[in-house]
């Protein structure tokens, strides 16, 4: 695994044209966190609300995707084994926006 990753990022609310694929540094996980080598991810309704500016707690720039599947790359706290297949869903602090 390299020290860079590609991510879908938005820097401000707007139309689909604000979605940008950027190279970003791979985050370094701390105890209690898991670094996943993502194999597939989804952009869904929640990301549409965020992109349009309807998620009041979102800070920009924002790396999008609240759902992913992949392989554990690192788990400093030992909660998972590197190489283990995992799926991730929305974090507790994300806001899906108005209904």
PDB file of N, CA and C in Angstrom:
ATOM      1  N   UNK A   1       0.851  -1.181   0.000  1.00  0.00           N
ATOM      2  CA  UNK A   1       0.000   0.000   0.000  1.00  0.00           C
ATOM      3  C   UNK A   1       0.894   1.240   0.000  1.00  0.00           C
ATOM      4  N   UNK A   2       0.569   2.205  -0.868  1.00  0.00           N
ATOM      5  CA  UNK A   2       1.366   3.427  -0.944  1.00  0.00           C
ATOM      6  C   UNK A   2       0.924   4.408   0.125  1.00  0.00           C
ATOM      7  N   UNK A   3       1.623   5.544   0.197  1.00  0.00           N
ATOM      8  CA  UNK A   3       1.246   6.552   1.176  1.00  0.00           C
ATOM      9  C   UNK A   3       0.265   7.578   0.603  1.00  0.00           C
ATOM     10  N   UNK A   4      -0.218   7.329  -0.628  1.00  0.00           N
ATOM     11  CA  UNK A   4      -1.207   8.209  -1.260  1.00  0.00           C
ATOM     12  C   UNK A   4      -2.428   7.386  -1.661  1.00  0.00           C
ATOM     13  N   UNK A   5      -3.581   8.047  -1.687  1.00  0.00           N
ATOM     14  CA  UNK A   5      -4.824   7.414  -2.105  1.00  0.00           C
ATOM     15  C   UNK A   5      -5.586   8.384  -2.985  1.00  0.00           C
ATOM     16  N   UNK A   6      -6.555   7.871  -3.739  1.00  0.00           N
ATOM     17  CA  UNK A   6      -7.459   8.723  -4.507  1.00  0.00           C
ATOM     18  C   UNK A   6      -8.756   8.829  -3.735  1.00  0.00           C
ATOM     19  N   UNK A   7      -9.355  10.022  -3.754  1.00  0.00           N
ATOM     20  CA  UNK A   7     -10.593  10.246  -3.013  1.00  0.00           C
ATOM     21  C   UNK A   7     -11.490  11.195  -3.790  1.00  0.00           C
ATOM     22  N   UNK A   8     -12.811  11.023  -3.614  1.00  0.00           N
ATOM     23  CA  UNK A   8     -13.785  11.968  -4.157  1.00  0.00           C
ATOM     24  C   UNK A   8     -13.937  13.062  -3.108  1.00  0.00           C
ATOM     25  N   UNK A   9     -13.640  14.304  -3.500  1.00  0.00           N
ATOM     26  CA  UNK A   9     -13.598  15.432  -2.562  1.00  0.00           C
ATOM     27  C   UNK A   9     -14.465  16.565  -3.105  1.00  0.00           C
ATOM     28  N   UNK A  10     -15.156  17.260  -2.182  1.00  0.00           N
ATOM     29  CA  UNK A  10     -15.804  18.512  -2.550  1.00  0.00           C
ATOM     30  C   UNK A  10     -15.258  19.604  -1.631  1.00  0.00           C
ATOM     31  N   UNK A  11     -15.042  20.771  -2.209  1.00  0.00           N
ATOM     32  CA  UNK A  11     -14.500  21.906  -1.455  1.00  0.00           C
ATOM     33  C   UNK A  11     -15.572  22.923  -1.081  1.00  0.00           C
ATOM     34  N   UNK A  12     -16.722  22.828  -1.733  1.00  0.00           N
ATOM     35  CA  UNK A  12     -17.853  23.727  -1.456  1.00  0.00           C
ATOM     36  C   UNK A  12     -19.097  23.083  -2.050  1.00  0.00           C
ATOM     37  N   UNK A  13     -20.276  23.424  -1.523  1.00  0.00           N
ATOM     38  CA  UNK A  13     -21.512  22.858  -2.077  1.00  0.00           C
ATOM     39  C   UNK A  13     -21.717  23.279  -3.525  1.00  0.00           C
ATOM     40  N   UNK A  14     -22.474  22.461  -4.261  1.00  0.00           N
ATOM     41  CA  UNK A  14     -22.785  22.803  -5.639  1.00  0.00           C
ATOM     42  C   UNK A  14     -23.359  21.628  -6.386  1.00  0.00           C
ATOM     43  N   UNK A  15     -23.278  21.717  -7.711  1.00  0.00           N
ATOM     44  CA  UNK A  15     -23.778  20.663  -8.583  1.00  0.00           C
ATOM     45  C   UNK A  15     -22.771  19.533  -8.698  1.00  0.00           C
ATOM     46  N   UNK A  16     -23.054  18.566  -9.559  1.00  0.00           N
ATOM     47  CA  UNK A  16     -22.148  17.430  -9.728  1.00  0.00           C
ATOM     48  C   UNK A  16     -20.726  17.839 -10.116  1.00  0.00           C
ATOM     49  N   UNK A  17     -20.578  19.015 -10.721  1.00  0.00           N
ATOM     50  CA  UNK A  17     -19.256  19.473 -11.142  1.00  0.00           C
ATOM     51  C   UNK A  17     -18.312  19.760  -9.971  1.00  0.00           C
ATOM     52  N   UNK A  18     -18.827  19.852  -8.731  1.00  0.00           N
ATOM     53  CA  UNK A  18     -17.932  20.093  -7.582  1.00  0.00           C
ATOM     54  C   UNK A  18     -17.250  18.815  -7.108  1.00  0.00           C
ATOM     55  N   UNK A  19     -17.689  17.647  -7.622  1.00  0.00           N
ATOM     56  CA  UNK A  19     -17.047  16.381  -7.262  1.00  0.00           C
ATOM     57  C   UNK A  19     -15.693  16.305  -7.966  1.00  0.00           C
ATOM     58  N   UNK A  20     -14.639  16.167  -7.219  1.00  0.00           N
ATOM     59  CA  UNK A  20     -13.286  16.099  -7.771  1.00  0.00           C
ATOM     60  C   UNK A  20     -12.586  14.854  -7.247  1.00  0.00           C
ATOM     61  N   UNK A  21     -11.855  14.179  -8.115  1.00  0.00           N
ATOM     62  CA  UNK A  21     -11.019  13.064  -7.685  1.00  0.00           C
ATOM     63  C   UNK A  21      -9.635  13.649  -7.436  1.00  0.00           C
ATOM     64  N   UNK A  22      -9.156  13.477  -6.201  1.00  0.00           N
ATOM     65  CA  UNK A  22      -7.868  14.040  -5.797  1.00  0.00           C
ATOM     66  C   UNK A  22      -6.989  12.976  -5.178  1.00  0.00           C
ATOM     67  N   UNK A  23      -5.698  13.200  -5.235  1.00  0.00           N
ATOM     68  CA  UNK A  23      -4.747  12.374  -4.497  1.00  0.00           C
ATOM     69  C   UNK A  23      -4.619  12.961  -3.107  1.00  0.00           C
ATOM     70  N   UNK A  24      -4.705  12.113  -2.108  1.00  0.00           N
ATOM     71  CA  UNK A  24      -4.616  12.520  -0.707  1.00  0.00           C
ATOM     72  C   UNK A  24      -3.664  11.596   0.026  1.00  0.00           C
ATOM     73  N   UNK A  25      -3.089  12.084   1.107  1.00  0.00           N
ATOM     74  CA  UNK A  25      -2.253  11.236   1.950  1.00  0.00           C
ATOM     75  C   UNK A  25      -3.126  10.185   2.635  1.00  0.00           C
ATOM     76  N   UNK A  26      -2.634   8.972   2.710  1.00  0.00           N
ATOM     77  CA  UNK A  26      -3.352   7.915   3.418  1.00  0.00           C
ATOM     78  C   UNK A  26      -3.340   8.262   4.905  1.00  0.00           C
ATOM     79  N   UNK A  27      -4.502   8.258   5.568  1.00  0.00           N
ATOM     80  CA  UNK A  27      -4.531   8.572   7.000  1.00  0.00           C
ATOM     81  C   UNK A  27      -3.787   7.510   7.809  1.00  0.00           C
ATOM     82  N   UNK A  28      -3.230   7.939   8.926  1.00  0.00           N
ATOM     83  CA  UNK A  28      -2.553   7.015   9.834  1.00  0.00           C
ATOM     84  C   UNK A  28      -3.516   6.706  10.971  1.00  0.00           C
ATOM     85  N   UNK A  29      -3.960   5.437  11.075  1.00  0.00           N
ATOM     86  CA  UNK A  29      -4.934   5.111  12.116  1.00  0.00           C
ATOM     87  C   UNK A  29      -4.309   5.096  13.500  1.00  0.00           C
ATOM     88  N   UNK A  30      -5.104   5.465  14.484  1.00  0.00           N
ATOM     89  CA  UNK A  30      -4.720   5.406  15.891  1.00  0.00           C
ATOM     90  C   UNK A  30      -5.415   4.208  16.521  1.00  0.00           C
ATOM     91  N   UNK A  31      -5.066   3.889  17.754  1.00  0.00           N
ATOM     92  CA  UNK A  31      -5.747   2.806  18.463  1.00  0.00           C
ATOM     93  C   UNK A  31      -7.252   3.083  18.440  1.00  0.00           C
ATOM     94  N   UNK A  32      -8.034   2.058  18.152  1.00  0.00           N
ATOM     95  CA  UNK A  32      -9.482   2.215  18.066  1.00  0.00           C
ATOM     96  C   UNK A  32      -9.966   2.564  16.671  1.00  0.00           C
ATOM     97  N   UNK A  33      -9.044   2.784  15.735  1.00  0.00           N
ATOM     98  CA  UNK A  33      -9.393   3.072  14.349  1.00  0.00           C
ATOM     99  C   UNK A  33      -8.864   1.953  13.462  1.00  0.00           C
ATOM    100  N   UNK A  34      -9.427   1.847  12.262  1.00  0.00           N
ATOM    101  CA  UNK A  34      -9.014   0.827  11.309  1.00  0.00           C
ATOM    102  C   UNK A  34      -8.792   1.499   9.961  1.00  0.00           C
ATOM    103  N   UNK A  35      -7.662   1.207   9.345  1.00  0.00           N
ATOM    104  CA  UNK A  35      -7.390   1.684   7.999  1.00  0.00           C
ATOM    105  C   UNK A  35      -7.799   0.583   7.029  1.00  0.00           C
ATOM    106  N   UNK A  36      -8.680   0.936   6.088  1.00  0.00           N
ATOM    107  CA  UNK A  36      -9.192  -0.033   5.120  1.00  0.00           C
ATOM    108  C   UNK A  36      -8.647   0.296   3.742  1.00  0.00           C
ATOM    109  N   UNK A  37      -8.103  -0.709   3.069  1.00  0.00           N
ATOM    110  CA  UNK A  37      -7.767  -0.563   1.657  1.00  0.00           C
ATOM    111  C   UNK A  37      -9.078  -0.786   0.910  1.00  0.00           C
ATOM    112  N   UNK A  38      -9.670   0.293   0.444  1.00  0.00           N
ATOM    113  CA  UNK A  38     -11.009   0.254  -0.139  1.00  0.00           C
ATOM    114  C   UNK A  38     -10.966  -0.402  -1.518  1.00  0.00           C
ATOM    115  N   UNK A  39     -11.870  -1.347  -1.700  1.00  0.00           N
ATOM    116  CA  UNK A  39     -12.015  -2.035  -2.984  1.00  0.00           C
ATOM    117  C   UNK A  39     -13.221  -1.502  -3.757  1.00  0.00           C
ATOM    118  N   UNK A  40     -14.255  -1.030  -3.041  1.00  0.00           N
ATOM    119  CA  UNK A  40     -15.442  -0.448  -3.669  1.00  0.00           C
ATOM    120  C   UNK A  40     -16.114   0.474  -2.653  1.00  0.00           C
ATOM    121  N   UNK A  41     -16.759   1.526  -3.155  1.00  0.00           N
ATOM    122  CA  UNK A  41     -17.471   2.455  -2.272  1.00  0.00           C
ATOM    123  C   UNK A  41     -18.708   2.951  -2.979  1.00  0.00           C
ATOM    124  N   UNK A  42     -19.601   3.569  -2.201  1.00  0.00           N
ATOM    125  CA  UNK A  42     -20.823   4.101  -2.774  1.00  0.00           C
ATOM    126  C   UNK A  42     -20.959   5.590  -2.515  1.00  0.00           C
ATOM    127  N   UNK A  43     -21.536   6.282  -3.464  1.00  0.00           N
ATOM    128  CA  UNK A  43     -21.969   7.660  -3.277  1.00  0.00           C
ATOM    129  C   UNK A  43     -23.485   7.605  -3.392  1.00  0.00           C
ATOM    130  N   UNK A  44     -24.171   8.018  -2.339  1.00  0.00           N
ATOM    131  CA  UNK A  44     -25.621   7.834  -2.321  1.00  0.00           C
ATOM    132  C   UNK A  44     -26.347   9.100  -1.897  1.00  0.00           C
ATOM    133  N   UNK A  45     -27.542   8.933  -1.433  1.00  0.00           N
ATOM    134  CA  UNK A  45     -28.413  10.058  -1.065  1.00  0.00           C
ATOM    135  C   UNK A  45     -27.763  11.013  -0.062  1.00  0.00           C
ATOM    136  N   UNK A  46     -27.102  10.476   0.930  1.00  0.00           N
ATOM    137  CA  UNK A  46     -26.449  11.323   1.925  1.00  0.00           C
ATOM    138  C   UNK A  46     -25.405  12.238   1.278  1.00  0.00           C
ATOM    139  N   UNK A  47     -24.633  11.673   0.348  1.00  0.00           N
ATOM    140  CA  UNK A  47     -23.625  12.503  -0.328  1.00  0.00           C
ATOM    141  C   UNK A  47     -24.264  13.548  -1.238  1.00  0.00           C
ATOM    142  N   UNK A  48     -25.443  13.239  -1.791  1.00  0.00           N
ATOM    143  CA  UNK A  48     -26.148  14.243  -2.596  1.00  0.00           C
ATOM    144  C   UNK A  48     -26.542  15.421  -1.716  1.00  0.00           C
ATOM    145  N   UNK A  49     -27.075  15.147  -0.507  1.00  0.00           N
ATOM    146  CA  UNK A  49     -27.420  16.231   0.418  1.00  0.00           C
ATOM    147  C   UNK A  49     -26.192  17.046   0.780  1.00  0.00           C
ATOM    148  N   UNK A  50     -25.086  16.359   1.073  1.00  0.00           N
ATOM    149  CA  UNK A  50     -23.851  17.065   1.426  1.00  0.00           C
ATOM    150  C   UNK A  50     -23.383  17.919   0.260  1.00  0.00           C
ATOM    151  N   UNK A  51     -23.354  17.339  -0.933  1.00  0.00           N
ATOM    152  CA  UNK A  51     -22.905  18.075  -2.117  1.00  0.00           C
ATOM    153  C   UNK A  51     -23.750  19.319  -2.353  1.00  0.00           C
ATOM    154  N   UNK A  52     -25.040  19.225  -2.098  1.00  0.00           N
ATOM    155  CA  UNK A  52     -25.931  20.365  -2.318  1.00  0.00           C
ATOM    156  C   UNK A  52     -25.873  21.397  -1.185  1.00  0.00           C
ATOM    157  N   UNK A  53     -25.164  21.076  -0.090  1.00  0.00           N
ATOM    158  CA  UNK A  53     -25.051  22.019   1.019  1.00  0.00           C
ATOM    159  C   UNK A  53     -26.122  21.866   2.073  1.00  0.00           C
ATOM    160  N   UNK A  54     -26.829  20.725   2.110  1.00  0.00           N
ATOM    161  CA  UNK A  54     -27.923  20.513   3.055  1.00  0.00           C
ATOM    162  C   UNK A  54     -27.518  19.737   4.314  1.00  0.00           C
ATOM    163  N   UNK A  55     -26.243  19.546   4.527  1.00  0.00           N
ATOM    164  CA  UNK A  55     -25.763  18.851   5.729  1.00  0.00           C
ATOM    165  C   UNK A  55     -25.057  19.886   6.605  1.00  0.00           C
ATOM    166  N   UNK A  56     -25.756  20.456   7.580  1.00  0.00           N
ATOM    167  CA  UNK A  56     -25.257  21.618   8.317  1.00  0.00           C
ATOM    168  C   UNK A  56     -23.979  21.383   9.126  1.00  0.00           C
ATOM    169  N   UNK A  57     -23.687  20.157   9.512  1.00  0.00           N
ATOM    170  CA  UNK A  57     -22.495  19.911  10.332  1.00  0.00           C
ATOM    171  C   UNK A  57     -21.264  19.551   9.523  1.00  0.00           C
ATOM    172  N   UNK A  58     -21.374  19.561   8.198  1.00  0.00           N
ATOM    173  CA  UNK A  58     -20.254  19.182   7.345  1.00  0.00           C
ATOM    174  C   UNK A  58     -19.283  20.345   7.200  1.00  0.00           C
ATOM    175  N   UNK A  59     -18.008  20.031   7.342  1.00  0.00           N
ATOM    176  CA  UNK A  59     -16.933  21.008   7.147  1.00  0.00           C
ATOM    177  C   UNK A  59     -16.255  20.672   5.821  1.00  0.00           C
ATOM    178  N   UNK A  60     -15.994  21.688   5.017  1.00  0.00           N
ATOM    179  CA  UNK A  60     -15.337  21.497   3.723  1.00  0.00           C
ATOM    180  C   UNK A  60     -13.871  21.864   3.831  1.00  0.00           C
ATOM    181  N   UNK A  61     -12.980  21.222   3.060  1.00  0.00           N
ATOM    182  CA  UNK A  61     -13.269  20.192   2.076  1.00  0.00           C
ATOM    183  C   UNK A  61     -13.700  18.904   2.764  1.00  0.00           C
ATOM    184  N   UNK A  62     -14.435  18.085   2.011  1.00  0.00           N
ATOM    185  CA  UNK A  62     -15.013  16.854   2.543  1.00  0.00           C
ATOM    186  C   UNK A  62     -14.705  15.695   1.596  1.00  0.00           C
ATOM    187  N   UNK A  63     -14.150  14.619   2.140  1.00  0.00           N
ATOM    188  CA  UNK A  63     -13.967  13.391   1.378  1.00  0.00           C
ATOM    189  C   UNK A  63     -15.284  12.625   1.482  1.00  0.00           C
ATOM    190  N   UNK A  64     -15.878  12.342   0.331  1.00  0.00           N
ATOM    191  CA  UNK A  64     -17.179  11.692   0.322  1.00  0.00           C
ATOM    192  C   UNK A  64     -17.070  10.177   0.346  1.00  0.00           C
ATOM    193  N   UNK A  65     -18.106   9.557   0.799  1.00  0.00           N
ATOM    194  CA  UNK A  65     -18.406   8.132   0.838  1.00  0.00           C
ATOM    195  C   UNK A  65     -18.517   7.673   2.271  1.00  0.00           C
ATOM    196  N   UNK A  66     -19.695   7.210   2.604  1.00  0.00           N
ATOM    197  CA  UNK A  66     -19.961   6.718   3.956  1.00  0.00           C
ATOM    198  C   UNK A  66     -20.153   5.215   3.963  1.00  0.00           C
ATOM    199  N   UNK A  67     -19.989   4.593   2.794  1.00  0.00           N
ATOM    200  CA  UNK A  67     -20.114   3.152   2.688  1.00  0.00           C
ATOM    201  C   UNK A  67     -18.942   2.643   1.863  1.00  0.00           C
ATOM    202  N   UNK A  68     -18.289   1.581   2.358  1.00  0.00           N
ATOM    203  CA  UNK A  68     -17.159   1.015   1.626  1.00  0.00           C
ATOM    204  C   UNK A  68     -16.960  -0.435   2.013  1.00  0.00           C
ATOM    205  N   UNK A  69     -16.348  -1.168   1.106  1.00  0.00           N
ATOM    206  CA  UNK A  69     -15.906  -2.532   1.402  1.00  0.00           C
ATOM    207  C   UNK A  69     -14.439  -2.624   1.010  1.00  0.00           C
ATOM    208  N   UNK A  70     -13.717  -3.462   1.723  1.00  0.00           N
ATOM    209  CA  UNK A  70     -12.308  -3.602   1.417  1.00  0.00           C
ATOM    210  C   UNK A  70     -11.618  -4.565   2.346  1.00  0.00           C
ATOM    211  N   UNK A  71     -10.323  -4.342   2.505  1.00  0.00           N
ATOM    212  CA  UNK A  71      -9.459  -5.216   3.281  1.00  0.00           C
ATOM    213  C   UNK A  71      -8.754  -4.384   4.340  1.00  0.00           C
ATOM    214  N   UNK A  72      -8.675  -4.894   5.554  1.00  0.00           N
ATOM    215  CA  UNK A  72      -7.985  -4.185   6.634  1.00  0.00           C
ATOM    216  C   UNK A  72      -6.503  -4.065   6.278  1.00  0.00           C
ATOM    217  N   UNK A  73      -6.015  -2.838   6.245  1.00  0.00           N
ATOM    218  CA  UNK A  73      -4.600  -2.575   6.002  1.00  0.00           C
ATOM    219  C   UNK A  73      -3.850  -2.439   7.325  1.00  0.00           C
ATOM    220  N   UNK A  74      -4.511  -1.839   8.334  1.00  0.00           N
ATOM    221  CA  UNK A  74      -3.878  -1.627   9.632  1.00  0.00           C
ATOM    222  C   UNK A  74      -4.952  -1.443  10.694  1.00  0.00           C
ATOM    223  N   UNK A  75      -4.718  -2.021  11.860  1.00  0.00           N
ATOM    224  CA  UNK A  75      -5.625  -1.871  13.010  1.00  0.00           C
ATOM    225  C   UNK A  75      -4.755  -1.829  14.262  1.00  0.00           C
ATOM    226  N   UNK A  76      -4.224  -0.647  14.600  1.00  0.00           N
ATOM    227  CA  UNK A  76      -3.286  -0.535  15.716  1.00  0.00           C
ATOM    228  C   UNK A  76      -3.817  -1.052  17.049  1.00  0.00           C
ATOM    229  N   UNK A  77      -5.127  -1.006  17.246  1.00  0.00           N
ATOM    230  CA  UNK A  77      -5.712  -1.478  18.496  1.00  0.00           C
ATOM    231  C   UNK A  77      -5.942  -2.982  18.522  1.00  0.00           C
ATOM    232  N   UNK A  78      -5.715  -3.649  17.409  1.00  0.00           N
ATOM    233  CA  UNK A  78      -5.866  -5.093  17.350  1.00  0.00           C
ATOM    234  C   UNK A  78      -7.297  -5.584  17.201  1.00  0.00           C
ATOM    235  N   UNK A  79      -8.235  -4.664  16.881  1.00  0.00           N
ATOM    236  CA  UNK A  79      -9.635  -5.064  16.742  1.00  0.00           C
ATOM    237  C   UNK A  79      -9.871  -5.936  15.519  1.00  0.00           C
ATOM    238  N   UNK A  80      -9.046  -5.771  14.498  1.00  0.00           N
ATOM    239  CA  UNK A  80      -9.156  -6.527  13.260  1.00  0.00           C
ATOM    240  C   UNK A  80      -7.770  -7.021  12.871  1.00  0.00           C
ATOM    241  N   UNK A  81      -7.761  -8.011  11.996  1.00  0.00           N
ATOM    242  CA  UNK A  81      -6.507  -8.593  11.511  1.00  0.00           C
ATOM    243  C   UNK A  81      -6.231  -8.041  10.118  1.00  0.00           C
ATOM    244  N   UNK A  82      -5.006  -7.539   9.860  1.00  0.00           N
ATOM    245  CA  UNK A  82      -4.697  -7.097   8.502  1.00  0.00           C
ATOM    246  C   UNK A  82      -5.013  -8.205   7.492  1.00  0.00           C
ATOM    247  N   UNK A  83      -5.651  -7.809   6.384  1.00  0.00           N
ATOM    248  CA  UNK A  83      -6.066  -8.753   5.362  1.00  0.00           C
ATOM    249  C   UNK A  83      -7.512  -9.198   5.504  1.00  0.00           C
ATOM    250  N   UNK A  84      -8.119  -8.940   6.670  1.00  0.00           N
ATOM    251  CA  UNK A  84      -9.509  -9.323   6.909  1.00  0.00           C
ATOM    252  C   UNK A  84     -10.435  -8.481   6.025  1.00  0.00           C
ATOM    253  N   UNK A  85     -11.442  -9.114   5.406  1.00  0.00           N
ATOM    254  CA  UNK A  85     -12.416  -8.395   4.594  1.00  0.00           C
ATOM    255  C   UNK A  85     -13.433  -7.723   5.504  1.00  0.00           C
ATOM    256  N   UNK A  86     -13.752  -6.458   5.195  1.00  0.00           N
ATOM    257  CA  UNK A  86     -14.678  -5.697   6.034  1.00  0.00           C
ATOM    258  C   UNK A  86     -15.608  -4.849   5.175  1.00  0.00           C
ATOM    259  N   UNK A  87     -16.700  -4.414   5.800  1.00  0.00           N
ATOM    260  CA  UNK A  87     -17.622  -3.452   5.205  1.00  0.00           C
ATOM    261  C   UNK A  87     -17.828  -2.343   6.223  1.00  0.00           C
ATOM    262  N   UNK A  88     -17.929  -1.106   5.764  1.00  0.00           N
ATOM    263  CA  UNK A  88     -18.127   0.046   6.648  1.00  0.00           C
ATOM    264  C   UNK A  88     -19.362   0.811   6.197  1.00  0.00           C
ATOM    265  N   UNK A  89     -20.083   1.389   7.165  1.00  0.00           N
ATOM    266  CA  UNK A  89     -21.252   2.211   6.871  1.00  0.00           C
ATOM    267  C   UNK A  89     -21.132   3.528   7.631  1.00  0.00           C
ATOM    268  N   UNK A  90     -22.105   4.401   7.452  1.00  0.00           N
ATOM    269  CA  UNK A  90     -22.084   5.763   7.979  1.00  0.00           C
ATOM    270  C   UNK A  90     -21.557   5.873   9.404  1.00  0.00           C
ATOM    271  N   UNK A  91     -20.688   6.871   9.616  1.00  0.00           N
ATOM    272  CA  UNK A  91     -20.212   7.153  10.967  1.00  0.00           C
ATOM    273  C   UNK A  91     -21.304   7.842  11.759  1.00  0.00           C
ATOM    274  N   UNK A  92     -21.245   7.745  13.074  1.00  0.00           N
ATOM    275  CA  UNK A  92     -22.300   8.269  13.944  1.00  0.00           C
ATOM    276  C   UNK A  92     -22.438   9.776  13.844  1.00  0.00           C
ATOM    277  N   UNK A  93     -21.373  10.521  13.515  1.00  0.00           N
ATOM    278  CA  UNK A  93     -21.445  11.974  13.514  1.00  0.00           C
ATOM    279  C   UNK A  93     -21.917  12.561  12.185  1.00  0.00           C
ATOM    280  N   UNK A  94     -22.118  11.734  11.160  1.00  0.00           N
ATOM    281  CA  UNK A  94     -22.572  12.256   9.866  1.00  0.00           C
ATOM    282  C   UNK A  94     -24.043  12.618   9.929  1.00  0.00           C
ATOM    283  N   UNK A  95     -24.399  13.640   9.169  1.00  0.00           N
ATOM    284  CA  UNK A  95     -25.794  14.049   9.085  1.00  0.00           C
ATOM    285  C   UNK A  95     -26.298  13.768   7.681  1.00  0.00           C
ATOM    286  N   UNK A  96     -27.386  13.003   7.536  1.00  0.00           N
ATOM    287  CA  UNK A  96     -27.887  12.707   6.205  1.00  0.00           C
ATOM    288  C   UNK A  96     -28.602  13.875   5.533  1.00  0.00           C
ATOM    289  N   UNK A  97     -28.834  14.950   6.238  1.00  0.00           N
ATOM    290  CA  UNK A  97     -29.499  16.099   5.639  1.00  0.00           C
ATOM    291  C   UNK A  97     -31.006  16.020   5.771  1.00  0.00           C
ATOM    292  N   UNK A  98     -31.699  16.993   5.189  1.00  0.00           N
ATOM    293  CA  UNK A  98     -33.165  17.036   5.315  1.00  0.00           C
ATOM    294  C   UNK A  98     -33.814  15.938   4.497  1.00  0.00           C
ATOM    295  N   UNK A  99     -34.962  15.517   4.916  1.00  0.00           N
ATOM    296  CA  UNK A  99     -35.702  14.457   4.197  1.00  0.00           C
ATOM    297  C   UNK A  99     -36.460  15.031   3.047  1.00  0.00           C
TER     298      UNK A  99
END
